Amino acid sequence: MTTSEHAIPRVAVVILNWNGRHHLATYLPSVVEHSNEDADVVVIDNGSTDDSVQWLKQHHPHVHVVELEKNMGFAGGYNAGLARVNAEVFVLLNSDVRTSPNWIQPVVDMMENEGYVACQPLIRNDTDPELFEYAGAAGGFIDRDGFTFCAGRIFEVFETDEGQYNSNREVFWASGAALFIASDAWREVGGLDEDFFAHMEEIDLCWRLKNRGYKVGACGHSIVYHLGGGTLQKISPFKSYLNFRNNLYMLVKNHHQRALYPMLIRRMVLDGIAALKFLIEGSTSLFAAVLKAHRDFWKHFSVMKARRKEEIEVCKERRRGTPNQTGRYQGSIIIDYFIRKKHTFGQLNPNRFL
């Protein structure tokens, strides 16, 4: 088949919306403008009670709308909605993301030509466009204790995009703010874990893909701009609760290379230190969020442990080669950032990455 005859995979850009008509009015026009030639645009409405659906039908009649009866969370909403979408590549795109020209094809080309099943573009801050954004930046990594960070953003330090990540690279996880994923791979792993509800479910998804031997990447030739915090405030107690709880869920399910209980004891200590820090700083609500996260984690521990066993067995049967560890950081991002004062990705020891 010649290049001119080669069929571009059918792409669906799928936006999950819940009471976000104001975000749709602001950001959807850029998505439609920059996607029409390369992809279908779909909005999954997650049981909104505002006028989102009516507004979409009036102002964007060519955008397909999948209506769900109730708010099923990020994970449940995408699982239910994507079951009704037909495409070879799904793009899970937050409703508060502004796209740029030619943002789709470089990522699809990278997936096709370099063997990736999931990928993200570079994600900058919509309100400060030269800076990388919190939710994904230039691709995600994970340290020895299960703490996640990004190229371009470690904790509250955001790098200016000076072209330092303008190459295609393998990472450990790709951001759910703009996640490209082959639909076959999505179905193989069963989509997102609905027990997460929201936050870190895309990292869990990518980890399951990696455990099966797949590659996850960040495309350095595509850029989108994310507002962030469109649904939950960045440091809200509920978001903190979800992040602490879901991180533990994710570790139990997917961290197959280390003994489970010693790892959890270490995390109990580290999370306890974080909770005390919140309390000392006067944030009793964040302190309570960590305690509640651990309480609910242990309440559902047996369920996650059963999932771990299932995942280990499935990975043994279906994985392509050995588990893909690329993007794992063998150091501690906590120690590097707070004690060694290494605040940017380039300051980390490259030899400590698998």
Protein backbone atom coordinates (compact mmCIF):
# COMPACT_ATOMS: atom_id res chain seq x y z
CA MET A 1 0.00 0.00 0.00
CA THR A 2 1.41 3.40 -0.96
CA THR A 3 1.48 6.32 1.46
CA SER A 4 -1.31 8.07 -0.42
CA GLU A 5 -3.48 4.94 -0.15
CA HIS A 6 -2.79 4.39 3.53
CA ALA A 7 -5.95 4.82 5.55
CA ILE A 8 -5.67 7.04 8.61
CA PRO A 9 -7.26 5.30 11.60
CA ARG A 10 -10.70 6.64 12.38
CA VAL A 11 -10.31 8.88 15.43
CA ALA A 12 -13.01 9.98 17.83
CA VAL A 13 -12.31 12.96 20.09
CA VAL A 14 -14.56 12.29 23.07
CA ILE A 15 -15.29 14.94 25.69
CA LEU A 16 -16.96 14.02 28.98
CA ASN A 17 -19.24 16.78 30.22
CA TRP A 18 -21.04 17.29 33.51
CA ASN A 19 -22.77 20.63 34.02
CA GLY A 20 -20.01 22.25 32.01
CA ARG A 21 -21.87 24.27 29.42
CA HIS A 22 -19.58 27.26 30.18
CA HIS A 23 -16.51 25.13 29.37
CA LEU A 24 -18.12 23.79 26.22
CA ALA A 25 -18.90 27.31 25.05
CA THR A 26 -15.29 28.38 25.65
CA TYR A 27 -13.30 25.34 24.50
CA LEU A 28 -15.40 23.21 22.15
CA PRO A 29 -15.09 25.62 19.18
CA SER A 30 -11.30 25.06 19.06
CA VAL A 31 -11.79 21.29 19.21
CA VAL A 32 -14.28 21.35 16.37
CA GLU A 33 -12.14 23.71 14.29
CA HIS A 34 -8.94 21.69 14.69
CA SER A 35 -10.44 18.20 14.52
CA ASN A 36 -12.96 18.23 11.69
CA GLU A 37 -10.61 16.88 9.03
CA ASP A 38 -8.99 14.28 11.28
CA ALA A 39 -11.65 13.04 13.68
CA ASP A 40 -15.25 12.86 14.77
CA VAL A 41 -16.11 14.95 17.82
CA VAL A 42 -18.33 13.36 20.46
CA VAL A 43 -19.60 14.73 23.78
CA ILE A 44 -20.65 12.28 26.47
CA ASP A 45 -23.05 14.09 28.77
CA ASN A 46 -22.71 12.65 32.26
CA GLY A 47 -26.24 13.31 33.48
CA SER A 48 -25.96 17.10 33.45
CA THR A 49 -28.68 19.17 35.10
CA ASP A 50 -27.72 22.41 33.35
CA ASP A 51 -28.55 23.24 29.71
CA SER A 52 -25.44 21.57 28.23
CA VAL A 53 -27.30 19.17 25.94
CA GLN A 54 -29.72 21.79 24.63
CA TRP A 55 -26.82 24.19 24.02
CA LEU A 56 -24.86 21.54 22.12
CA LYS A 57 -27.78 20.65 19.87
CA GLN A 58 -28.41 24.31 19.13
CA HIS A 59 -24.83 25.52 18.59
CA HIS A 60 -23.00 22.37 17.44
CA PRO A 61 -25.53 20.12 15.72
CA HIS A 62 -22.77 18.14 13.97
CA VAL A 63 -21.22 17.09 17.28
CA HIS A 64 -22.56 13.70 18.31
CA VAL A 65 -23.98 13.68 21.85
CA VAL A 66 -24.15 10.53 23.99
CA GLU A 67 -26.56 11.17 26.86
CA LEU A 68 -26.14 9.25 30.14
CA GLU A 69 -28.92 9.26 32.69
CA LYS A 70 -26.78 10.12 35.72
CA ASN A 71 -23.31 11.33 36.71
CA MET A 72 -21.18 8.19 36.67
CA GLY A 73 -17.88 9.92 37.44
CA PHE A 74 -14.93 10.24 35.08
CA ALA A 75 -14.30 6.51 34.86
CA GLY A 76 -17.88 5.32 34.67
CA GLY A 77 -18.91 8.08 32.29
CA TYR A 78 -16.19 7.27 29.80
CA ASN A 79 -16.76 3.52 30.06
CA ALA A 80 -20.48 3.86 29.38
CA GLY A 81 -20.08 6.51 26.69
CA LEU A 82 -17.24 4.89 24.75
CA ALA A 83 -19.22 1.65 24.55
CA ARG A 84 -21.43 3.62 22.15
CA VAL A 85 -18.59 5.14 20.09
CA ASN A 86 -17.04 3.43 17.07
CA ALA A 87 -13.44 4.41 16.30
CA GLU A 88 -9.99 2.89 16.01
CA VAL A 89 -8.46 5.53 18.29
CA PHE A 90 -10.25 7.22 21.16
CA VAL A 91 -9.09 10.62 22.40
CA LEU A 92 -10.30 11.27 25.94
CA LEU A 93 -10.27 15.07 26.09
CA ASN A 94 -11.20 17.21 29.09
CA SER A 95 -13.90 19.78 28.48
CA ASP A 96 -11.53 22.60 29.49
CA VAL A 97 -8.84 21.86 26.90
CA ARG A 98 -8.08 24.25 24.03
CA THR A 99 -6.57 22.51 21.02
CA SER A 100 -4.14 23.85 18.43
CA PRO A 101 -3.86 23.23 14.68
CA ASN A 102 -2.54 19.81 13.68
CA TRP A 103 -2.74 18.40 17.20
CA ILE A 104 -4.16 15.00 16.24
CA GLN A 105 -2.09 13.66 13.35
CA PRO A 106 1.38 13.78 15.00
CA VAL A 107 0.09 11.69 17.90
CA VAL A 108 -1.66 9.18 15.63
CA ASP A 109 1.48 8.92 13.48
CA MET A 110 3.58 8.28 16.58
CA MET A 111 1.23 5.53 17.71
CA GLU A 112 1.21 3.89 14.28
CA ASN A 113 4.87 4.21 13.41
CA GLU A 114 6.49 3.72 16.82
CA GLY A 115 4.28 1.04 18.34
CA TYR A 116 2.42 2.95 21.08
CA VAL A 117 -1.10 2.02 22.17
CA ALA A 118 -1.58 5.13 24.33
CA CYS A 119 -0.12 8.59 24.05
CA GLN A 120 -0.57 12.22 25.05
CA PRO A 121 0.39 15.56 23.50
CA LEU A 122 2.35 18.19 25.42
CA ILE A 123 -0.04 19.91 27.82
CA ARG A 124 0.46 23.58 28.60
CA ASN A 125 -1.43 25.93 30.89
CA ASP A 126 -4.27 27.72 29.15
CA THR A 127 -4.00 30.74 31.46
CA ASP A 128 -0.18 30.93 31.19
CA PRO A 129 0.54 29.31 27.82
CA GLU A 130 4.33 29.16 28.08
CA LEU A 131 4.17 26.96 31.19
CA PHE A 132 3.48 23.26 31.33
CA GLU A 133 0.25 22.36 33.09
CA TYR A 134 -0.35 20.29 36.21
CA ALA A 135 -2.31 17.40 34.70
CA GLY A 136 0.26 15.59 32.58
CA ALA A 137 2.66 18.28 31.33
CA ALA A 138 5.13 16.42 29.06
CA GLY A 139 4.34 12.88 30.20
CA GLY A 140 4.10 11.02 33.48
CA PHE A 141 6.43 8.89 35.60
CA ILE A 142 6.22 7.02 38.91
CA ASP A 143 8.79 6.59 41.68
CA ARG A 144 9.68 3.59 43.83
CA ASP A 145 6.95 4.39 46.36
CA GLY A 146 4.19 4.96 43.84
CA PHE A 147 4.30 8.77 43.83
CA THR A 148 3.63 10.23 40.40
CA PHE A 149 5.20 13.23 38.69
CA CYS A 150 5.67 14.63 35.21
CA ALA A 151 8.34 15.86 32.89
CA GLY A 152 7.72 19.60 32.99
CA ARG A 153 5.98 19.57 36.37
CA ILE A 154 7.11 18.20 39.71
CA PHE A 155 4.76 19.03 42.58
CA GLU A 156 4.19 22.80 42.38
CA VAL A 157 7.11 23.67 40.08
CA PHE A 158 6.03 24.21 36.48
CA GLU A 159 8.67 24.47 33.77
CA THR A 160 8.53 26.90 30.88
CA ASP A 161 8.28 25.10 27.55
CA GLU A 162 11.56 25.95 25.83
CA GLY A 163 11.51 22.96 23.50
CA GLN A 164 13.19 20.63 25.99
CA TYR A 165 10.51 17.97 25.45
CA ASN A 166 9.98 18.39 21.72
CA SER A 167 10.77 14.78 20.94
CA ASN A 168 8.65 11.66 21.08
CA ARG A 169 9.41 9.69 24.24
CA GLU A 170 8.19 6.67 26.12
CA VAL A 171 6.72 7.49 29.54
CA PHE A 172 5.03 5.52 32.30
CA TRP A 173 1.62 7.16 32.06
CA ALA A 174 -0.21 9.59 29.83
CA SER A 175 -2.62 12.22 31.09
CA GLY A 176 -6.36 11.68 31.02
CA ALA A 177 -6.75 15.36 30.12
CA ALA A 178 -5.82 14.45 26.52
CA LEU A 179 -5.37 10.69 26.27
CA PHE A 180 -5.08 8.98 22.88
CA ILE A 181 -5.64 5.23 23.16
CA ALA A 182 -6.16 2.45 20.63
CA SER A 183 -9.73 1.24 21.07
CA ASP A 184 -8.62 -2.41 20.94
CA ALA A 185 -6.26 -1.82 23.86
CA TRP A 186 -8.98 0.08 25.73
CA ARG A 187 -11.34 -2.88 25.39
CA GLU A 188 -8.65 -5.44 26.21
CA VAL A 189 -8.03 -3.97 29.66
CA GLY A 190 -11.68 -3.13 30.29
CA GLY A 191 -11.41 0.65 30.15
CA LEU A 192 -11.13 2.70 33.33
CA ASP A 193 -11.60 1.29 36.82
CA GLU A 194 -14.91 2.67 38.09
CA ASP A 195 -13.94 2.16 41.73
CA PHE A 196 -11.64 5.17 41.26
CA PHE A 197 -14.57 7.45 40.30
CA ALA A 198 -12.13 10.23 39.35
CA HIS A 199 -8.40 11.02 39.61
CA MET A 200 -5.50 8.66 38.83
CA GLU A 201 -7.73 6.31 36.86
CA GLU A 202 -5.71 7.05 33.70
CA ILE A 203 -2.47 6.16 35.53
CA ASP A 204 -4.05 2.89 36.62
CA LEU A 205 -5.10 2.27 33.01
CA CYS A 206 -1.61 2.97 31.67
CA TRP A 207 -0.04 0.76 34.34
CA ARG A 208 -2.30 -2.11 33.32
CA LEU A 209 -1.23 -1.60 29.72
CA LYS A 210 2.45 -1.52 30.72
CA ASN A 211 2.07 -4.71 32.75
CA ARG A 212 0.85 -6.37 29.57
CA GLY A 213 3.95 -5.21 27.69
CA TYR A 214 2.46 -2.24 25.82
CA LYS A 215 4.13 1.14 25.25
CA VAL A 216 2.79 4.49 26.49
CA GLY A 217 4.22 7.73 25.13
CA ALA A 218 4.27 11.51 25.00
CA CYS A 219 4.31 13.20 21.61
CA GLY A 220 6.61 16.21 21.40
CA HIS A 221 5.03 17.54 18.20
CA SER A 222 1.50 18.20 19.43
CA ILE A 223 0.35 20.79 21.97
CA VAL A 224 -2.92 21.42 23.78
CA TYR A 225 -3.76 23.95 26.49
CA HIS A 226 -5.55 22.85 29.67
CA LEU A 227 -7.33 25.17 32.08
CA GLY A 228 -7.29 22.61 34.90
CA GLY A 229 -9.41 22.53 38.05
CA GLY A 230 -12.56 22.78 35.98
CA THR A 231 -14.44 20.25 38.11
CA LEU A 232 -12.62 20.25 41.45
CA GLN A 233 -10.35 22.86 42.94
CA LYS A 234 -6.72 21.71 42.77
CA ILE A 235 -6.29 21.43 46.54
CA SER A 236 -9.88 20.63 47.50
CA PRO A 237 -10.29 18.07 50.30
CA PHE A 238 -12.34 15.82 48.01
CA LYS A 239 -9.63 15.78 45.36
CA SER A 240 -6.99 15.08 48.01
CA TYR A 241 -9.11 12.25 49.35
CA LEU A 242 -9.45 10.72 45.89
CA ASN A 243 -5.75 11.10 45.11
CA PHE A 244 -4.56 9.46 48.34
CA ARG A 245 -7.13 6.66 48.19
CA ASN A 246 -6.78 5.96 44.48
CA ASN A 247 -3.00 5.94 44.61
CA LEU A 248 -3.19 3.12 47.15
CA TYR A 249 -5.81 1.29 45.06
CA MET A 250 -3.51 1.57 42.06
CA LEU A 251 -0.44 0.30 43.90
CA VAL A 252 -2.18 -2.79 45.24
CA LYS A 253 -3.60 -3.68 41.84
CA ASN A 254 -0.56 -3.07 39.68
CA HIS A 255 2.70 -3.06 41.65
CA HIS A 256 3.50 -6.72 41.02
CA GLN A 257 7.29 -6.53 41.32
CA ARG A 258 7.61 -5.91 45.06
CA ALA A 259 6.22 -7.53 48.20
CA LEU A 260 2.84 -5.97 48.89
CA TYR A 261 2.83 -5.44 52.66
CA PRO A 262 6.30 -3.87 53.11
CA MET A 263 5.37 -1.43 50.33
CA LEU A 264 2.10 -0.53 52.06
CA ILE A 265 3.80 -0.02 55.43
CA ARG A 266 6.21 2.41 53.79
CA ARG A 267 3.30 4.28 52.22
CA MET A 268 1.43 4.44 55.52
CA VAL A 269 4.42 6.22 57.01
CA LEU A 270 4.85 8.62 54.10
CA ASP A 271 1.15 9.44 53.89
CA GLY A 272 1.09 9.93 57.66
CA ILE A 273 3.89 12.49 57.35
CA ALA A 274 1.89 14.28 54.65
CA ALA A 275 -1.20 14.32 56.88
CA LEU A 276 0.77 15.77 59.80
CA LYS A 277 2.18 18.44 57.48
CA PHE A 278 -1.37 19.44 56.53
CA LEU A 279 -2.32 19.60 60.20
CA ILE A 280 0.72 21.70 61.17
CA GLU A 281 -0.10 24.09 58.32
CA GLY A 282 -3.60 24.48 59.73
CA SER A 283 -5.47 22.54 57.07
CA THR A 284 -7.63 20.25 59.17
CA SER A 285 -9.82 19.45 56.15
CA LEU A 286 -6.87 18.05 54.17
CA PHE A 287 -5.67 16.16 57.25
CA ALA A 288 -9.13 14.59 57.54
CA ALA A 289 -9.12 13.81 53.81
CA VAL A 290 -5.97 11.68 54.19
CA LEU A 291 -7.43 9.81 57.17
CA LYS A 292 -10.67 9.17 55.31
CA ALA A 293 -8.73 7.97 52.24
CA HIS A 294 -6.85 5.40 54.32
CA ARG A 295 -10.01 4.32 56.12
CA ASP A 296 -11.82 3.67 52.84
CA PHE A 297 -8.77 2.04 51.29
CA TRP A 298 -8.60 -0.55 54.05
CA LYS A 299 -12.36 -1.01 53.89
CA HIS A 300 -11.97 -2.06 50.23
CA PHE A 301 -8.56 -3.68 50.57
CA SER A 302 -9.83 -7.23 50.00
CA VAL A 303 -11.48 -6.15 46.76
CA MET A 304 -8.30 -4.54 45.47
CA LYS A 305 -6.22 -7.51 46.57
CA ALA A 306 -8.52 -9.78 44.54
CA ARG A 307 -8.09 -7.43 41.58
CA ARG A 308 -4.33 -7.69 42.03
CA LYS A 309 -4.52 -11.48 41.80
CA GLU A 310 -6.70 -11.26 38.68
CA GLU A 311 -4.34 -8.76 37.07
CA ILE A 312 -1.27 -10.91 37.75
CA GLU A 313 -2.94 -13.94 36.18
CA VAL A 314 -4.23 -12.04 33.14
CA CYS A 315 -0.85 -10.40 32.56
CA LYS A 316 0.88 -13.77 32.64
CA GLU A 317 -1.51 -15.07 29.99
CA ARG A 318 -1.79 -12.08 27.66
CA ARG A 319 1.23 -9.84 27.96
CA ARG A 320 3.54 -9.30 25.04
CA GLY A 321 6.96 -10.20 26.40
CA THR A 322 7.89 -9.00 29.87
CA PRO A 323 6.12 -6.22 31.80
CA ASN A 324 7.18 -2.85 30.43
CA GLN A 325 8.98 -0.95 33.19
CA THR A 326 10.08 2.05 31.11
CA GLY A 327 9.25 5.26 32.96
CA ARG A 328 9.69 3.83 36.46
CA TYR A 329 11.95 5.97 38.65
CA GLN A 330 14.00 3.96 41.14
CA GLY A 331 14.57 6.95 43.39
CA SER A 332 12.22 8.83 45.71
CA ILE A 333 10.73 11.96 44.20
CA ILE A 334 9.84 13.08 47.75
CA ILE A 335 13.49 12.99 48.87
CA ASP A 336 14.77 14.47 45.61
CA TYR A 337 12.32 17.38 45.68
CA PHE A 338 12.09 18.30 49.35
CA ILE A 339 15.55 17.34 50.62
CA ARG A 340 17.86 17.41 47.60
CA LYS A 341 16.01 20.41 46.09
CA LYS A 342 15.76 18.89 42.62
CA HIS A 343 12.73 20.72 41.33
CA THR A 344 12.82 20.04 37.59
CA PHE A 345 12.81 16.82 35.59
CA GLY A 346 16.21 17.54 34.05
CA GLN A 347 17.80 17.66 37.50
CA LEU A 348 16.85 14.06 38.28
CA ASN A 349 19.45 11.34 37.77
CA PRO A 350 18.70 9.80 34.35
CA ASN A 351 20.40 6.57 35.39
CA ARG A 352 17.70 5.96 37.96
CA PHE A 353 14.99 5.65 35.32
CA LEU A 354 14.18 2.21 33.97
